[in-house]
């Protein structure tokens, strides 16, 4: 499938009297910014605060972007009681002040962990502070710290330390983590399951979103690959639970037409929209695209259904996205 053949026809179910209007309000896919794509583990408190400020200053909050997510790289060590400490140089004053600043802007704060003992950064980026920093054996303790004490609203839970190193059973492992969060009375926390392939229908009971593919890269081939992976997963998304196509690579070197397809497909496929570039230096054309209200409205439609394939010929696909009203049951 190349750029020329990525042809989309969108049919919007707006006003058929045959189908009852949807009256249930579901949580929409989250919109915001995440540190991983650009910075990986090389983050600090000043950087995060500047990105949060830029989200407001550049008008992104105004069009719906509300999460500022701190990915891997904030970990320091566990004390003698097992309590997680932040990195002494990157976050010398801890994370509560950073989360408080994000909240003071009217935004929400996101954090990261791994379902196993070690984080992905400890494996792929050789960040030794990620060793022993995962949730395994510390589920309730870490949840208390992250959500009750520091006040975070979202968590991305990776699987590097649980799958590659401990060979844990995925559904059981994520269920244990969900139960720890619920035990705290933090059912409002948005959970993202990050394990690089569609996990299975069990994920809907545990998370608001789940990854469906390997990590995205700022290359057209990577964007196209993820679109292909999600074309026939529409039946598993909707009603407040979504297939996560990974963070956006808008503003990180793609051609303008590639960025347009990238953002448009993430929007109609109801993926979370997490910006992955440096917001303080984002090109104006990329910023304008990210603020496109019509595309955002499709992503945030209250019905929350992913666009689905209705016709496929050679490398061309026709997709339909129901909005406001559901037209039939076939997905």
Protein backbone atom coordinates (compact mmCIF):
# COMPACT_ATOMS: atom_id res chain seq x y z
CA UNK A 1 0.00 0.00 0.00
CA UNK A 2 1.60 3.33 -1.07
CA UNK A 3 0.52 6.94 -0.62
CA UNK A 4 -1.42 7.01 -3.89
CA UNK A 5 -3.41 3.92 -3.02
CA UNK A 6 -4.28 4.92 0.52
CA UNK A 7 -7.74 6.10 -0.55
CA UNK A 8 -10.39 6.65 2.07
CA UNK A 9 -14.12 7.10 1.69
CA UNK A 10 -15.86 8.01 4.92
CA UNK A 11 -19.60 7.58 5.28
CA UNK A 12 -21.09 9.27 8.33
CA UNK A 13 -24.20 7.84 9.98
CA UNK A 14 -25.82 11.09 11.00
CA UNK A 15 -29.51 11.11 10.42
CA UNK A 16 -31.08 7.74 9.70
CA UNK A 17 -34.40 7.38 11.46
CA UNK A 18 -34.07 3.60 11.44
CA UNK A 19 -31.38 3.53 14.10
CA UNK A 20 -31.89 4.97 17.55
CA UNK A 21 -29.69 7.89 18.53
CA UNK A 22 -26.92 7.01 20.98
CA UNK A 23 -27.60 8.51 24.41
CA UNK A 24 -24.77 6.87 26.35
CA UNK A 25 -21.70 9.05 26.83
CA UNK A 26 -18.43 7.11 26.58
CA UNK A 27 -14.95 8.34 27.37
CA UNK A 28 -13.27 9.43 24.15
CA UNK A 29 -9.72 8.45 23.18
CA UNK A 30 -7.26 10.48 25.21
CA UNK A 31 -5.48 13.44 23.62
CA UNK A 32 -2.22 14.90 24.83
CA UNK A 33 1.57 14.71 24.67
CA UNK A 34 4.07 12.02 25.66
CA UNK A 35 7.82 12.24 26.20
CA UNK A 36 8.98 8.91 24.72
CA UNK A 37 9.20 9.47 20.95
CA UNK A 38 11.54 12.44 21.13
CA UNK A 39 13.33 12.05 24.45
CA UNK A 40 13.14 8.38 25.44
CA UNK A 41 14.69 8.22 28.96
CA UNK A 42 16.45 11.59 28.64
CA UNK A 43 13.85 13.68 30.46
CA UNK A 44 13.80 16.04 33.43
CA UNK A 45 11.39 18.24 35.35
CA UNK A 46 12.18 21.42 33.39
CA UNK A 47 11.60 19.68 30.06
CA UNK A 48 8.22 18.29 31.11
CA UNK A 49 7.06 21.64 32.48
CA UNK A 50 8.07 23.41 29.26
CA UNK A 51 6.10 20.92 27.18
CA UNK A 52 3.03 21.36 29.38
CA UNK A 53 3.31 25.14 29.10
CA UNK A 54 3.72 24.89 25.32
CA UNK A 55 0.58 22.76 25.03
CA UNK A 56 -1.40 25.65 26.46
CA UNK A 57 0.49 28.47 24.74
CA UNK A 58 0.16 26.93 21.28
CA UNK A 59 -3.59 26.42 21.58
CA UNK A 60 -3.55 22.63 21.83
CA UNK A 61 -5.42 22.56 25.12
CA UNK A 62 -8.12 24.69 23.51
CA UNK A 63 -8.85 22.01 20.89
CA UNK A 64 -8.88 19.09 23.32
CA UNK A 65 -5.33 17.97 24.14
CA UNK A 66 -5.27 17.49 27.88
CA UNK A 67 -2.73 14.86 28.99
CA UNK A 68 0.98 15.41 29.63
CA UNK A 69 2.49 11.95 29.98
CA UNK A 70 5.88 11.28 31.56
CA UNK A 71 7.23 8.07 30.06
CA UNK A 72 10.22 5.97 31.14
CA UNK A 73 13.22 7.78 32.61
CA UNK A 74 12.01 9.29 35.89
CA UNK A 75 13.00 6.33 38.09
CA UNK A 76 15.71 6.60 40.72
CA UNK A 77 15.73 3.68 43.17
CA UNK A 78 13.61 1.96 45.79
CA UNK A 79 14.34 2.74 49.43
CA UNK A 80 14.61 0.13 52.19
CA UNK A 81 10.81 -0.10 52.32
CA UNK A 82 10.49 -0.51 48.57
CA UNK A 83 9.15 3.00 47.98
CA UNK A 84 10.06 4.36 44.55
CA UNK A 85 12.30 7.43 44.51
CA UNK A 86 12.68 9.70 41.49
CA UNK A 87 15.93 10.18 39.60
CA UNK A 88 18.07 12.53 41.75
CA UNK A 89 19.33 14.60 38.81
CA UNK A 90 16.41 14.49 36.39
CA UNK A 91 13.70 15.04 39.02
CA UNK A 92 15.53 16.20 42.18
CA UNK A 93 12.33 17.51 43.77
CA UNK A 94 10.22 14.49 42.92
CA UNK A 95 7.20 14.26 40.64
CA UNK A 96 4.42 15.71 42.76
CA UNK A 97 5.45 19.27 41.95
CA UNK A 98 5.55 18.46 38.25
CA UNK A 99 2.10 16.86 38.39
CA UNK A 100 0.81 19.83 40.38
CA UNK A 101 2.08 22.24 37.71
CA UNK A 102 0.41 20.22 34.97
CA UNK A 103 -2.84 20.25 36.92
CA UNK A 104 -2.55 24.00 37.55
CA UNK A 105 -2.76 24.47 33.77
CA UNK A 106 -6.05 22.58 33.66
CA UNK A 107 -4.34 19.52 32.19
CA UNK A 108 -4.00 15.90 33.32
CA UNK A 109 -0.78 14.12 34.22
CA UNK A 110 0.32 10.69 33.02
CA UNK A 111 3.04 8.36 34.28
CA UNK A 112 4.74 5.13 33.18
CA UNK A 113 5.68 1.74 34.57
CA UNK A 114 6.22 -1.87 33.54
CA UNK A 115 4.20 -4.94 34.48
CA UNK A 116 7.43 -6.75 35.35
CA UNK A 117 10.41 -5.90 37.54
CA UNK A 118 12.41 -3.90 35.00
CA UNK A 119 11.38 -1.18 32.56
CA UNK A 120 11.87 -1.10 28.79
CA UNK A 121 14.41 1.70 29.20
CA UNK A 122 16.60 -0.54 31.31
CA UNK A 123 16.67 -3.09 28.49
CA UNK A 124 16.77 -1.01 25.30
CA UNK A 125 18.36 2.23 26.55
CA UNK A 126 20.61 0.68 29.20
CA UNK A 127 19.10 2.96 31.85
CA UNK A 128 20.07 1.03 34.95
CA UNK A 129 17.65 3.05 37.08
CA UNK A 130 14.85 1.09 35.45
CA UNK A 131 16.05 -2.17 37.00
CA UNK A 132 13.71 -3.12 39.82
CA UNK A 133 11.48 -0.12 39.10
CA UNK A 134 8.54 -2.02 37.60
CA UNK A 135 5.25 -2.86 39.28
CA UNK A 136 5.97 -6.55 39.91
CA UNK A 137 5.69 -7.12 43.66
CA UNK A 138 4.91 -3.43 44.24
CA UNK A 139 1.48 -3.07 42.62
CA UNK A 140 -0.42 -1.50 45.50
CA UNK A 141 2.60 0.38 46.85
CA UNK A 142 3.36 2.05 43.52
CA UNK A 143 -0.30 2.73 42.74
CA UNK A 144 -0.64 4.48 46.09
CA UNK A 145 2.39 6.64 45.35
CA UNK A 146 1.53 7.46 41.74
CA UNK A 147 -2.19 8.13 42.07
CA UNK A 148 -2.88 9.01 45.70
CA UNK A 149 0.29 10.85 46.67
CA UNK A 150 1.54 12.28 43.38
CA UNK A 151 -1.91 12.63 41.81
CA UNK A 152 -1.40 11.14 38.34
CA UNK A 153 -4.44 10.49 36.13
CA UNK A 154 -3.06 8.04 33.55
CA UNK A 155 -0.56 5.20 33.42
CA UNK A 156 1.09 3.44 30.50
CA UNK A 157 2.06 -0.08 31.56
CA UNK A 158 4.76 -1.66 29.42
CA UNK A 159 5.56 -5.37 29.25
CA UNK A 160 9.31 -5.62 28.60
CA UNK A 161 10.18 -6.76 32.11
CA UNK A 162 7.18 -9.07 32.43
CA UNK A 163 7.28 -10.85 29.09
CA UNK A 164 10.88 -10.95 27.94
CA UNK A 165 12.38 -11.48 31.39
CA UNK A 166 9.78 -13.16 33.62
CA UNK A 167 7.50 -14.84 31.06
CA UNK A 168 4.39 -13.86 33.04
CA UNK A 169 0.87 -14.54 31.75
CA UNK A 170 -0.43 -11.27 30.34
CA UNK A 171 -4.10 -11.27 31.27
CA UNK A 172 -3.35 -12.41 34.83
CA UNK A 173 -0.60 -9.84 35.24
CA UNK A 174 -2.62 -6.86 34.02
CA UNK A 175 -5.62 -8.02 36.07
CA UNK A 176 -3.49 -7.93 39.22
CA UNK A 177 -2.42 -4.38 38.45
CA UNK A 178 -5.98 -3.27 37.68
CA UNK A 179 -7.18 -4.76 40.97
CA UNK A 180 -4.50 -2.87 42.91
CA UNK A 181 -5.59 0.41 41.33
CA UNK A 182 -9.27 -0.32 41.97
CA UNK A 183 -8.50 -1.24 45.58
CA UNK A 184 -7.26 2.32 46.04
CA UNK A 185 -10.54 3.71 44.79
CA UNK A 186 -8.80 5.12 41.71
CA UNK A 187 -11.14 3.81 39.05
CA UNK A 188 -10.86 7.16 37.27
CA UNK A 189 -7.25 6.43 36.31
CA UNK A 190 -6.88 5.78 32.59
CA UNK A 191 -4.83 2.63 31.92
CA UNK A 192 -2.93 1.87 28.72
CA UNK A 193 -1.70 -1.67 28.06
CA UNK A 194 1.53 -1.53 26.07
CA UNK A 195 2.62 -4.92 24.76
CA UNK A 196 3.19 -4.41 20.98
CA UNK A 197 0.35 -6.50 19.54
CA UNK A 198 -3.41 -6.75 19.97
CA UNK A 199 -3.68 -8.42 23.39
CA UNK A 200 -7.12 -10.00 23.10
CA UNK A 201 -10.66 -9.15 24.12
CA UNK A 202 -9.77 -9.40 27.82
CA UNK A 203 -8.08 -5.99 27.61
CA UNK A 204 -11.45 -4.19 27.42
CA UNK A 205 -12.20 -5.15 31.02
CA UNK A 206 -8.92 -3.73 32.29
CA UNK A 207 -7.85 -0.75 30.22
CA UNK A 208 -9.06 2.25 28.29
CA UNK A 209 -6.64 1.52 25.46
CA UNK A 210 -4.13 -1.08 24.34
CA UNK A 211 -1.32 -1.08 21.83
CA UNK A 212 -1.70 -3.17 18.68
CA UNK A 213 1.77 -3.04 17.14
CA UNK A 214 5.48 -2.52 17.61
CA UNK A 215 6.67 1.00 18.43
CA UNK A 216 6.09 3.65 15.80
CA UNK A 217 9.01 5.41 14.07
CA UNK A 218 9.06 8.74 12.16
CA UNK A 219 9.04 6.90 8.84
CA UNK A 220 6.22 6.39 6.34
CA UNK A 221 6.76 2.63 6.30
CA UNK A 222 6.17 2.45 10.05
CA UNK A 223 3.00 4.55 9.85
CA UNK A 224 1.66 2.42 6.99
CA UNK A 225 2.47 -0.80 8.86
CA UNK A 226 0.44 0.29 11.88
CA UNK A 227 -2.51 1.34 9.72
CA UNK A 228 -2.45 -2.10 8.10
CA UNK A 229 -2.39 -3.79 11.52
CA UNK A 230 -5.49 -1.90 12.64
CA UNK A 231 -7.65 -2.18 9.53
CA UNK A 232 -9.49 -5.27 10.77
CA UNK A 233 -9.51 -4.69 14.54
CA UNK A 234 -12.48 -2.32 14.55
CA UNK A 235 -14.79 -4.86 16.21
CA UNK A 236 -12.74 -4.67 19.41
CA UNK A 237 -12.81 -0.88 19.82
CA UNK A 238 -15.50 1.52 20.98
CA UNK A 239 -17.65 2.40 23.96
CA UNK A 240 -14.74 3.94 25.85
CA UNK A 241 -12.07 1.36 24.92
CA UNK A 242 -9.69 1.82 22.01
CA UNK A 243 -7.01 0.27 19.82
CA UNK A 244 -3.89 2.36 20.44
CA UNK A 245 -1.89 2.94 17.25
CA UNK A 246 0.96 4.46 19.29
CA UNK A 247 2.09 8.05 19.71
CA UNK A 248 1.96 10.52 16.85
CA UNK A 249 5.06 11.24 14.77
CA UNK A 250 3.68 14.57 13.54
CA UNK A 251 6.42 17.21 13.62
CA UNK A 252 9.27 14.68 13.49
CA UNK A 253 10.31 14.69 9.86
CA UNK A 254 7.53 13.04 7.85
CA UNK A 255 6.50 14.67 4.56
CA UNK A 256 3.42 16.93 4.80
CA UNK A 257 1.22 14.47 2.89
CA UNK A 258 2.44 11.62 5.09
CA UNK A 259 1.59 13.61 8.21
CA UNK A 260 -1.90 14.27 6.85
CA UNK A 261 -2.59 10.58 6.25
CA UNK A 262 -0.99 9.69 9.60
CA UNK A 263 -3.18 12.07 11.59
CA UNK A 264 -6.31 11.43 9.55
CA UNK A 265 -6.12 7.67 10.02
CA UNK A 266 -5.40 7.92 13.75
CA UNK A 267 -8.47 10.16 14.02
CA UNK A 268 -10.96 8.02 12.10
CA UNK A 269 -9.65 4.84 13.72
CA UNK A 270 -10.36 6.32 17.16
CA UNK A 271 -6.80 5.92 18.36
CA UNK A 272 -5.50 7.91 21.32
CA UNK A 273 -3.85 11.09 20.03
CA UNK A 274 -0.60 11.59 21.92
CA UNK A 275 1.79 14.06 20.32
CA UNK A 276 5.38 12.83 20.32
CA UNK A 277 7.42 15.82 19.13
CA UNK A 278 9.02 18.77 20.92
CA UNK A 279 6.13 21.20 21.26
CA UNK A 280 8.46 24.16 21.75
CA UNK A 281 9.89 23.76 18.22
CA UNK A 282 7.03 22.11 16.32
CA UNK A 283 6.73 23.30 12.68
CA UNK A 284 3.73 25.53 12.07
CA UNK A 285 2.27 23.22 9.40
CA UNK A 286 2.40 20.27 11.81
CA UNK A 287 0.82 22.32 14.59
CA UNK A 288 -1.99 23.42 12.27
CA UNK A 289 -2.70 19.79 11.36
CA UNK A 290 -2.80 18.71 15.01
CA UNK A 291 -5.34 21.46 15.68
CA UNK A 292 -7.68 20.48 12.82
CA UNK A 293 -11.05 20.61 14.57
CA UNK A 294 -12.90 18.54 11.98
CA UNK A 295 -10.50 15.61 12.27
CA UNK A 296 -10.42 15.88 16.05
CA UNK A 297 -14.22 15.82 16.11
CA UNK A 298 -14.18 12.49 14.27
CA UNK A 299 -11.74 11.06 16.80
CA UNK A 300 -13.68 12.39 19.78
CA UNK A 301 -17.17 11.50 18.53
CA UNK A 302 -19.34 10.42 21.50
CA UNK A 303 -20.22 7.11 19.84
CA UNK A 304 -16.56 6.14 19.98
CA UNK A 305 -16.56 3.65 17.10
CA UNK A 306 -13.50 2.93 14.96
CA UNK A 307 -13.74 3.24 11.19
CA UNK A 308 -14.10 -0.16 9.56
CA UNK A 309 -13.36 -1.61 6.13
CA UNK A 310 -16.36 -1.99 3.82
CA UNK A 311 -14.48 -2.57 0.57
CA UNK A 312 -10.98 -3.76 -0.29
CA UNK A 313 -9.57 -4.08 -3.78
CA UNK A 314 -5.87 -4.64 -4.40
CA UNK A 315 -4.16 -2.03 -2.21
CA UNK A 316 -7.16 0.29 -1.93
CA UNK A 317 -9.48 0.37 1.08
CA UNK A 318 -12.82 2.05 1.71
CA UNK A 319 -13.56 2.73 5.37
CA UNK A 320 -16.76 3.87 7.06
CA UNK A 321 -16.92 5.55 10.44
CA UNK A 322 -20.29 5.79 12.17
CA UNK A 323 -20.68 9.00 14.13
CA UNK A 324 -23.47 10.02 16.47
CA UNK A 325 -25.58 7.02 15.44
CA UNK A 326 -24.62 3.40 14.96
CA UNK A 327 -25.63 2.02 11.58
CA UNK A 328 -25.96 -1.73 11.98
CA UNK A 329 -23.89 -4.21 13.94
CA UNK A 330 -21.30 -5.40 11.44
CA UNK A 331 -17.74 -4.36 12.31
